[in-house]
Amino acid sequence: MREGSLEAPTRHPLDWKSEAFRDPAKVEKELERIFDICHGCRRCVSLCTTFPTLFDLVDASPTLEIDGVKKEDYAKVVDQCYLCDLCYMTKCPYVPPHPWNVDFPHVMLRAKALKFEKGIKFRDRLLSSTDAMGKLAAIPVVAQTVNAVNKNGLARKLLETTLGVHKDRELPPYAPLKFRAGAAPSNAFPVRNGKETPGKVAVFATCYANYNEPQLGHDLLALLAHNEIPYVLVDEEVCCGMPKLELGDLDGVDLLKRKNIPVLARHARDGYAILAPVPSCALMFKQELPLMYPDDADVLAVRDAMFDPFEYLVLRKKEKLLKSDFKQPLGKVAYHIPCHARVQNMGQKTREMLESVPGTQVTVVERCAGHDGTWGVKSEYFDNSMKIGRPVFRMMAEPRPDYVSSDCPIAARHIMQGMAADKGQAVKAHPLTLLRKAYGI
């Protein structure tokens, strides 16, 4: 048998409705099989704390092999994984089509689904309920109160004691006016279809842009309007389901899918490109839901219509359907490409777009920052999230940038917190904000 694989990784559909998927004995057996292969390879040791946790357990065992690790300790490995997919897409030489068929993220997901069925903390359910939290916290006055509480040291200590949200984690603010409520309507531009890009856009706002940083959505609409691309907001939307997936709540994912997909599929079949300004949300529709529902025609239609915003813009640029009338250079930009953008297999489209702005120097950091949605918020994982991020913090600070930027707004906030005194005069700005600034609009 050959060592490693030279073919592109492929993903098998996720048979999440089968009895075998949630069979504890079968999950344990697959964990042991894959852990044994990982122990013999150890190529992923630098990615996150999941693999060092596994290897430390093996090295401390009486046999120095996986058979010496207590089965109950497997959970320690599972808890460190936040399903970024980087091991699968960038490191592992034994993923399919290799006959060893190592799918580390999916076996982690099976274990997380088992854990979810046994019962999880109220905090974890709450943090993954982004729509419910957003609708409550984004009410005027309530939003300002929540934001003030999140910055109060005594309140944060109480929050850590009662809920398990680390007192030192800088939390995103809630906006008193939701993006969807204040979004500007599109002008009646003519539809100019490209070879690879539909000439009209449906925007899936995402929970984060809708409740936390509406500016992301407004910047995206401004860029579309400047380039004379007609747009609509999707008729209605709920959370994409990524927070539920990372928790192992697959029935929760299914419930959200049943609400989102019929709406999005109508837009897809009406010839719209669907854009989501947060990479995790785009990835959910591009990869995770198609793996869960490989035979669902609506899911596949949405997959084929879904674009990362910069993926769409760069394709429009190549088709000579994007303006290049930039008014302002951006100077030095330290750009972090998030995990959920990397695993979309589209290349570094954000870097490519920003580098097309005259007078702009982009330094790319292609490494996991360690926050991952709600994982880095939790008190038991905060220190590890900062540890994983240290190389990123250092590399982002080295060029003494004018701007610190990431397609993932949560990662950007985490990076700025980790850079602390090293950030100098750098300003945090989303790539959409930077491109709008470059256009002078």
Protein backbone atom coordinates (compact mmCIF):
# COMPACT_ATOMS: atom_id res chain seq x y z
CA MET A 1 0.00 0.00 0.00
CA ARG A 2 1.38 3.40 -0.94
CA GLU A 3 2.30 5.97 1.66
CA GLY A 4 -0.01 8.94 1.51
CA SER A 5 -2.16 10.23 -1.31
CA LEU A 6 -1.47 12.64 -4.15
CA GLU A 7 -5.10 13.01 -5.22
CA ALA A 8 -7.33 15.87 -4.16
CA PRO A 9 -9.32 15.07 -1.00
CA THR A 10 -12.88 13.91 -1.51
CA ARG A 11 -15.71 13.85 1.01
CA HIS A 12 -18.14 11.02 1.51
CA PRO A 13 -21.77 11.92 2.31
CA LEU A 14 -22.54 12.02 6.00
CA ASP A 15 -24.85 9.10 6.84
CA TRP A 16 -26.14 10.91 9.91
CA LYS A 17 -29.62 9.34 9.96
CA SER A 18 -28.39 5.76 10.16
CA GLU A 19 -28.33 3.77 13.40
CA ALA A 20 -24.63 3.06 12.91
CA PHE A 21 -23.80 6.77 12.94
CA ARG A 22 -24.87 7.07 16.58
CA ASP A 23 -23.96 3.53 17.71
CA PRO A 24 -21.57 4.10 20.67
CA ALA A 25 -19.57 0.92 20.04
CA LYS A 26 -19.11 1.69 16.35
CA VAL A 27 -18.18 5.31 17.04
CA GLU A 28 -15.62 4.18 19.62
CA LYS A 29 -14.15 1.65 17.20
CA GLU A 30 -13.78 4.27 14.45
CA LEU A 31 -12.23 6.73 16.90
CA GLU A 32 -9.66 4.12 17.90
CA ARG A 33 -8.89 3.26 14.26
CA ILE A 34 -8.36 6.85 13.21
CA PHE A 35 -6.51 7.82 16.40
CA ASP A 36 -4.08 4.97 15.77
CA ILE A 37 -3.34 6.26 12.26
CA CYS A 38 -2.93 9.82 13.57
CA HIS A 39 -0.55 8.63 16.28
CA GLY A 40 1.61 6.93 13.66
CA CYS A 41 1.74 10.06 11.50
CA ARG A 42 1.59 13.13 13.80
CA ARG A 43 1.68 15.53 10.87
CA CYS A 44 -1.17 17.61 12.33
CA VAL A 45 0.50 18.32 15.67
CA SER A 46 0.81 22.06 15.00
CA LEU A 47 -2.76 22.70 13.80
CA CYS A 48 -4.65 22.97 17.08
CA THR A 49 -4.75 21.44 20.57
CA THR A 50 -6.75 18.38 19.48
CA PHE A 51 -3.77 16.44 18.20
CA PRO A 52 -1.32 17.32 21.01
CA THR A 53 -4.04 16.18 23.44
CA LEU A 54 -4.28 12.84 21.61
CA PHE A 55 -0.52 12.36 21.37
CA ASP A 56 0.01 13.27 25.03
CA LEU A 57 -2.53 10.61 26.01
CA VAL A 58 -0.71 8.03 23.90
CA ASP A 59 2.72 9.02 25.22
CA ALA A 60 1.51 8.80 28.81
CA SER A 61 -0.11 5.39 28.31
CA PRO A 62 1.56 2.16 29.53
CA THR A 63 1.88 0.75 25.99
CA LEU A 64 2.81 4.01 24.21
CA GLU A 65 0.17 3.04 21.65
CA ILE A 66 -3.49 3.88 21.24
CA ASP A 67 -4.54 0.61 22.90
CA GLY A 68 -3.08 1.95 26.15
CA VAL A 69 -5.34 5.03 26.19
CA LYS A 70 -8.49 4.75 28.29
CA LYS A 71 -11.61 4.86 26.17
CA GLU A 72 -13.19 7.46 28.44
CA ASP A 73 -10.25 9.76 27.65
CA TYR A 74 -11.25 9.89 23.98
CA ALA A 75 -13.70 12.62 25.00
CA LYS A 76 -10.77 14.88 25.92
CA VAL A 77 -9.67 14.79 22.29
CA VAL A 78 -13.18 15.32 20.93
CA ASP A 79 -13.73 18.37 23.15
CA GLN A 80 -10.66 20.10 21.71
CA CYS A 81 -11.88 19.79 18.11
CA TYR A 82 -13.93 22.65 16.68
CA LEU A 83 -14.42 21.13 13.21
CA CYS A 84 -12.35 23.65 11.25
CA ASP A 85 -11.63 20.93 8.62
CA LEU A 86 -8.02 22.05 8.11
CA CYS A 87 -6.59 18.65 9.02
CA TYR A 88 -8.73 17.06 6.32
CA MET A 89 -8.19 19.66 3.61
CA THR A 90 -4.57 20.70 4.14
CA LYS A 91 -2.58 18.15 6.16
CA CYS A 92 -3.78 14.56 6.26
CA PRO A 93 -2.24 12.24 3.61
CA TYR A 94 -4.77 9.49 4.35
CA VAL A 95 -8.08 11.14 3.50
CA PRO A 96 -10.26 9.62 0.76
CA PRO A 97 -9.56 8.47 -1.91
CA HIS A 98 -6.74 6.85 0.12
CA PRO A 99 -7.97 3.42 1.23
CA TRP A 100 -7.44 4.24 4.91
CA ASN A 101 -10.35 6.68 4.56
CA VAL A 102 -9.38 8.98 7.43
CA ASP A 103 -12.08 11.59 7.98
CA PHE A 104 -11.09 13.08 11.31
CA PRO A 105 -13.71 15.88 11.33
CA HIS A 106 -16.59 13.51 10.62
CA VAL A 107 -15.62 11.01 13.31
CA MET A 108 -15.39 13.99 15.70
CA LEU A 109 -18.87 15.02 14.59
CA ARG A 110 -20.21 11.54 15.31
CA ALA A 111 -18.72 11.69 18.81
CA LYS A 112 -20.13 15.17 19.36
CA ALA A 113 -23.58 13.99 18.23
CA LEU A 114 -23.43 11.21 20.83
CA LYS A 115 -22.40 13.68 23.50
CA PHE A 116 -25.25 16.01 22.53
CA GLU A 117 -27.80 13.20 22.86
CA LYS A 118 -26.56 12.45 26.38
CA GLY A 119 -27.15 16.06 27.39
CA ILE A 120 -25.08 19.24 27.21
CA LYS A 121 -24.72 22.43 29.22
CA PHE A 122 -27.37 25.14 29.04
CA ARG A 123 -24.57 27.54 28.04
CA ASP A 124 -23.78 25.50 24.92
CA ARG A 125 -27.42 25.45 23.83
CA LEU A 126 -27.70 29.18 24.46
CA LEU A 127 -24.54 30.15 22.55
CA SER A 128 -25.59 28.08 19.55
CA SER A 129 -29.03 29.75 19.45
CA THR A 130 -27.79 32.80 17.58
CA ASP A 131 -31.19 33.95 16.30
CA ALA A 132 -32.83 33.82 19.72
CA MET A 133 -29.95 35.70 21.36
CA GLY A 134 -29.78 38.22 18.54
CA LYS A 135 -33.50 39.02 18.52
CA LEU A 136 -33.44 39.68 22.26
CA ALA A 137 -30.12 41.50 22.57
CA ALA A 138 -30.54 43.64 19.45
CA ILE A 139 -33.65 45.40 20.77
CA PRO A 140 -32.89 49.13 21.25
CA VAL A 141 -31.92 49.92 24.87
CA VAL A 142 -31.49 46.18 25.48
CA ALA A 143 -28.58 46.21 23.01
CA GLN A 144 -26.86 49.11 24.80
CA THR A 145 -27.43 47.41 28.16
CA VAL A 146 -26.00 44.08 26.98
CA ASN A 147 -22.99 45.84 25.48
CA ALA A 148 -22.36 47.74 28.71
CA VAL A 149 -22.64 44.56 30.79
CA ASN A 150 -20.20 42.78 28.46
CA LYS A 151 -17.60 45.47 29.20
CA ASN A 152 -18.12 45.49 32.96
CA GLY A 153 -15.51 43.51 34.89
CA LEU A 154 -17.74 42.52 37.79
CA ALA A 155 -20.56 41.49 35.47
CA ARG A 156 -18.16 39.42 33.39
CA LYS A 157 -16.87 37.59 36.45
CA LEU A 158 -20.47 36.75 37.35
CA LEU A 159 -21.12 35.64 33.76
CA GLU A 160 -18.12 33.33 33.92
CA THR A 161 -19.23 31.83 37.24
CA THR A 162 -22.85 31.28 36.23
CA LEU A 163 -22.61 30.58 32.50
CA GLY A 164 -19.02 29.61 31.76
CA VAL A 165 -18.22 32.48 29.36
CA HIS A 166 -14.62 33.53 30.03
CA LYS A 167 -14.36 36.92 31.70
CA ASP A 168 -11.45 38.04 29.53
CA ARG A 169 -12.96 37.19 26.14
CA GLU A 170 -13.83 40.33 24.20
CA LEU A 171 -17.36 39.74 22.96
CA PRO A 172 -18.89 41.24 19.80
CA PRO A 173 -21.36 44.07 20.38
CA TYR A 174 -25.04 43.92 19.53
CA ALA A 175 -26.40 46.59 17.18
CA PRO A 176 -29.60 48.45 18.11
CA LEU A 177 -30.65 48.50 14.43
CA LYS A 178 -30.53 45.19 12.57
CA PHE A 179 -28.94 45.09 9.13
CA ARG A 180 -32.06 43.77 7.42
CA ALA A 181 -34.12 46.60 8.94
CA GLY A 182 -31.81 49.31 7.63
CA ALA A 183 -30.63 47.80 4.33
CA ALA A 184 -30.77 50.13 1.33
CA PRO A 185 -32.94 48.91 -1.58
CA SER A 186 -31.24 48.13 -4.86
CA ASN A 187 -31.39 50.39 -7.87
CA ALA A 188 -32.89 48.93 -11.04
CA PHE A 189 -29.63 48.06 -12.73
CA PRO A 190 -29.71 45.83 -15.82
CA VAL A 191 -28.71 42.22 -15.19
CA ARG A 192 -25.33 41.46 -16.79
CA ASN A 193 -24.62 37.77 -16.52
CA GLY A 194 -21.05 36.58 -16.80
CA LYS A 195 -19.82 33.19 -17.91
CA GLU A 196 -19.40 32.05 -14.29
CA THR A 197 -21.39 34.65 -12.35
CA PRO A 198 -25.09 35.48 -12.38
CA GLY A 199 -25.63 39.21 -12.83
CA LYS A 200 -27.98 39.60 -9.86
CA VAL A 201 -27.39 38.79 -6.20
CA ALA A 202 -29.48 37.53 -3.27
CA VAL A 203 -27.82 38.39 0.04
CA PHE A 204 -28.03 35.94 2.95
CA ALA A 205 -27.30 38.40 5.73
CA THR A 206 -26.12 35.90 8.42
CA CYS A 207 -26.86 36.26 12.12
CA TYR A 208 -23.60 38.08 12.74
CA ALA A 209 -24.11 40.77 10.12
CA ASN A 210 -27.76 41.13 11.05
CA TYR A 211 -27.36 41.44 14.82
CA ASN A 212 -23.74 42.23 15.62
CA GLU A 213 -21.97 44.14 12.84
CA PRO A 214 -24.54 45.42 10.33
CA GLN A 215 -21.75 47.39 8.64
CA LEU A 216 -20.64 44.17 6.93
CA GLY A 217 -23.98 43.92 5.17
CA HIS A 218 -24.14 47.61 4.31
CA ASP A 219 -20.60 47.50 2.87
CA LEU A 220 -21.50 44.50 0.71
CA LEU A 221 -24.61 46.25 -0.63
CA ALA A 222 -22.59 49.41 -1.34
CA LEU A 223 -20.04 47.39 -3.33
CA LEU A 224 -22.79 45.72 -5.34
CA ALA A 225 -24.48 49.04 -6.01
CA HIS A 226 -21.21 50.71 -7.07
CA ASN A 227 -20.63 47.90 -9.56
CA GLU A 228 -24.23 48.19 -10.80
CA ILE A 229 -25.20 44.70 -9.70
CA PRO A 230 -28.89 44.47 -8.73
CA TYR A 231 -29.55 42.72 -5.44
CA VAL A 232 -32.24 41.60 -3.04
CA LEU A 233 -32.15 40.33 0.51
CA VAL A 234 -33.38 36.76 0.74
CA ASP A 235 -37.06 36.79 1.63
CA GLU A 236 -36.49 35.41 5.11
CA GLU A 237 -33.65 33.65 6.88
CA VAL A 238 -32.60 31.93 10.08
CA CYS A 239 -29.18 30.81 11.32
CA CYS A 240 -27.23 28.80 8.74
CA GLY A 241 -26.79 26.00 11.30
CA MET A 242 -23.00 26.02 11.73
CA PRO A 243 -23.13 26.64 15.53
CA LYS A 244 -25.52 23.68 15.88
CA LEU A 245 -23.29 21.49 13.69
CA GLU A 246 -20.20 22.24 15.77
CA LEU A 247 -22.17 21.22 18.85
CA GLY A 248 -23.28 17.91 17.32
CA ASP A 249 -26.93 19.03 17.29
CA LEU A 250 -27.77 17.56 13.89
CA ASP A 251 -31.52 17.63 14.47
CA GLY A 252 -31.12 21.35 15.15
CA VAL A 253 -29.25 21.70 11.87
CA ASP A 254 -32.08 19.86 10.13
CA LEU A 255 -34.69 22.21 11.57
CA LEU A 256 -32.80 25.29 10.33
CA LYS A 257 -32.20 23.68 6.94
CA ARG A 258 -35.94 23.14 6.50
CA LYS A 259 -36.49 26.87 6.98
CA ASN A 260 -33.59 28.23 4.90
CA ILE A 261 -33.27 25.91 1.93
CA PRO A 262 -36.73 26.32 0.33
CA VAL A 263 -36.29 30.11 0.37
CA LEU A 264 -32.73 30.04 -0.94
CA ALA A 265 -33.55 27.43 -3.59
CA ARG A 266 -36.18 29.75 -5.07
CA HIS A 267 -33.55 32.47 -5.46
CA ALA A 268 -31.07 29.97 -6.91
CA ARG A 269 -33.56 28.76 -9.51
CA ASP A 270 -34.48 32.35 -10.34
CA GLY A 271 -30.89 32.90 -11.45
CA TYR A 272 -29.44 34.72 -8.44
CA ALA A 273 -25.96 34.35 -7.06
CA ILE A 274 -26.33 33.93 -3.29
CA LEU A 275 -23.73 35.77 -1.19
CA ALA A 276 -23.09 35.38 2.55
CA PRO A 277 -20.61 37.82 4.15
CA VAL A 278 -19.43 35.31 6.80
CA PRO A 279 -17.28 32.36 5.58
CA SER A 280 -18.77 29.82 8.00
CA CYS A 281 -22.26 30.48 6.64
CA ALA A 282 -21.15 30.18 3.02
CA LEU A 283 -19.34 26.93 3.87
CA MET A 284 -22.45 25.54 5.54
CA PHE A 285 -24.39 25.81 2.29
CA LYS A 286 -21.48 24.91 0.02
CA GLN A 287 -20.26 21.81 1.87
CA GLU A 288 -21.86 20.75 5.14
CA LEU A 289 -25.52 20.65 4.10
CA PRO A 290 -24.73 18.97 0.74
CA LEU A 291 -22.83 16.27 2.66
CA MET A 292 -25.82 15.77 4.96
CA TYR A 293 -28.38 15.85 2.13
CA PRO A 294 -26.53 14.61 -0.99
CA ASP A 295 -29.75 13.73 -2.83
CA ASP A 296 -31.74 16.87 -2.01
CA ALA A 297 -32.14 18.85 -5.25
CA ASP A 298 -32.88 22.10 -3.41
CA VAL A 299 -29.74 21.79 -1.28
CA LEU A 300 -27.63 21.15 -4.38
CA ALA A 301 -29.19 24.12 -6.20
CA VAL A 302 -28.28 26.37 -3.28
CA ARG A 303 -24.77 24.91 -3.17
CA ASP A 304 -24.22 25.74 -6.81
CA ALA A 305 -25.53 29.31 -6.41
CA MET A 306 -23.62 30.13 -3.20
CA PHE A 307 -20.54 32.38 -3.41
CA ASP A 308 -18.15 33.91 -0.97
CA PRO A 309 -18.39 37.68 -1.67
CA PHE A 310 -14.78 37.98 -2.81
CA GLU A 311 -15.02 34.80 -4.85
CA TYR A 312 -17.90 36.46 -6.69
CA LEU A 313 -16.16 39.82 -7.06
CA VAL A 314 -12.92 38.35 -8.39
CA LEU A 315 -14.83 36.29 -10.94
CA ARG A 316 -16.71 39.43 -12.02
CA LYS A 317 -13.36 41.22 -12.31
CA LYS A 318 -11.98 38.49 -14.57
CA GLU A 319 -15.12 38.75 -16.68
CA LYS A 320 -14.51 42.53 -16.96
CA LEU A 321 -17.78 43.19 -15.18
CA LEU A 322 -16.26 44.89 -12.11
CA LYS A 323 -15.14 48.49 -11.85
CA SER A 324 -11.53 49.35 -10.98
CA ASP A 325 -12.02 53.06 -10.26
CA PHE A 326 -10.26 52.95 -6.91
CA LYS A 327 -9.82 56.31 -5.23
CA GLN A 328 -7.80 55.51 -2.12
CA PRO A 329 -4.79 53.24 -1.39
CA LEU A 330 -5.07 51.00 1.66
CA GLY A 331 -1.41 50.94 2.68
CA LYS A 332 -0.30 47.90 4.66
CA VAL A 333 -2.99 45.29 5.28
CA ALA A 334 -2.31 42.28 7.50
CA TYR A 335 -4.89 39.82 6.19
CA HIS A 336 -5.84 36.58 7.94
CA ILE A 337 -7.55 33.97 5.79
CA PRO A 338 -9.93 32.04 8.08
CA CYS A 339 -10.20 28.25 8.13
CA HIS A 340 -13.75 28.21 6.77
CA ALA A 341 -12.62 30.29 3.80
CA ARG A 342 -9.62 28.05 3.12
CA VAL A 343 -11.64 24.85 3.01
CA GLN A 344 -13.99 26.28 0.36
CA ASN A 345 -11.24 25.46 -2.17
CA MET A 346 -11.53 28.79 -3.96
CA GLY A 347 -8.02 30.14 -3.42
CA GLN A 348 -7.14 33.45 -1.81
CA LYS A 349 -9.75 35.58 -3.50
CA THR A 350 -9.83 38.29 -0.84
CA ARG A 351 -6.07 38.80 -1.09
CA GLU A 352 -6.34 38.92 -4.88
CA MET A 353 -9.03 41.60 -4.76
CA LEU A 354 -7.29 43.77 -2.16
CA GLU A 355 -3.97 43.55 -4.01
CA SER A 356 -5.67 44.97 -7.12
CA VAL A 357 -6.04 48.28 -5.25
CA PRO A 358 -3.07 50.53 -6.15
CA GLY A 359 -0.91 51.48 -3.19
CA THR A 360 -1.88 48.43 -1.18
CA GLN A 361 0.48 45.85 0.32
CA VAL A 362 -1.18 42.70 1.65
CA THR A 363 0.56 40.32 4.07
CA VAL A 364 -1.31 37.01 4.25
CA VAL A 365 -1.40 34.84 7.37
CA GLU A 366 -2.67 31.38 6.45
CA ARG A 367 -3.09 29.71 9.82
CA CYS A 368 -5.95 29.00 12.22
CA ALA A 369 -6.44 31.83 14.74
CA GLY A 370 -8.03 29.46 17.27
CA HIS A 371 -11.31 31.19 18.15
CA ASP A 372 -13.85 29.24 16.10
CA GLY A 373 -17.31 30.57 16.76
CA THR A 374 -18.37 29.87 20.32
CA TRP A 375 -15.44 27.55 21.22
CA GLY A 376 -13.00 30.29 22.20
CA VAL A 377 -15.67 32.07 24.25
CA LYS A 378 -16.03 29.21 26.73
CA SER A 379 -14.08 29.43 29.97
CA GLU A 380 -12.50 25.98 29.62
CA TYR A 381 -11.17 26.67 26.11
CA PHE A 382 -10.22 30.35 26.25
CA ASP A 383 -6.58 29.76 27.20
CA ASN A 384 -6.17 27.18 24.44
CA SER A 385 -7.75 29.50 21.89
CA MET A 386 -5.21 32.19 22.78
CA LYS A 387 -2.38 29.64 22.67
CA ILE A 388 -3.37 28.45 19.19
CA GLY A 389 -3.56 32.06 18.06
CA ARG A 390 -0.13 33.20 19.28
CA PRO A 391 1.72 32.55 15.99
CA VAL A 392 -1.07 34.38 14.15
CA PHE A 393 -0.94 37.35 16.53
CA ARG A 394 2.82 37.61 16.01
CA MET A 395 2.68 37.29 12.22
CA MET A 396 -0.15 39.82 11.92
CA ALA A 397 1.80 42.37 13.99
CA GLU A 398 5.17 41.94 12.24
CA PRO A 399 4.53 44.16 9.17
CA ARG A 400 3.28 47.01 11.44
CA PRO A 401 0.09 47.21 9.37
CA ASP A 402 -2.35 50.03 8.90
CA TYR A 403 -5.22 47.52 8.96
CA VAL A 404 -5.83 44.12 10.52
CA SER A 405 -8.39 42.23 8.49
CA SER A 406 -10.05 38.84 8.22
CA ASP A 407 -13.11 37.59 6.33
CA CYS A 408 -14.22 36.13 9.68
CA PRO A 409 -15.16 39.11 11.90
CA ILE A 410 -14.93 36.98 15.06
CA ALA A 411 -11.40 35.88 14.16
CA ALA A 412 -10.43 39.52 13.52
CA ARG A 413 -11.67 40.55 16.95
CA HIS A 414 -9.81 37.62 18.53
CA ILE A 415 -6.61 38.56 16.66
CA MET A 416 -6.78 42.17 17.79
CA GLN A 417 -7.25 41.01 21.37
CA GLY A 418 -4.24 38.70 21.05
CA MET A 419 -2.05 41.36 19.44
CA ALA A 420 -2.78 43.72 22.34
CA ALA A 421 0.18 46.11 22.72
CA ASP A 422 1.73 44.84 19.47
CA LYS A 423 -1.09 46.15 17.32
CA GLY A 424 0.39 49.67 17.23
CA GLN A 425 -1.77 52.01 15.17
CA ALA A 426 -3.48 49.19 13.27
CA VAL A 427 -7.23 49.45 12.81
CA LYS A 428 -9.52 46.41 12.54
CA ALA A 429 -11.47 46.50 9.29
CA HIS A 430 -13.32 43.79 7.40
CA PRO A 431 -12.14 43.23 3.79
CA LEU A 432 -15.55 44.42 2.52
CA THR A 433 -15.05 47.64 4.48
CA LEU A 434 -11.56 48.04 3.04
CA LEU A 435 -12.71 47.55 -0.54
CA ARG A 436 -15.51 50.08 -0.03
CA LYS A 437 -12.95 52.51 1.37
CA ALA A 438 -10.71 51.93 -1.66
CA TYR A 439 -13.60 52.77 -3.99
CA GLY A 440 -14.28 55.91 -1.97
CA ILE A 441 -17.99 55.11 -1.55
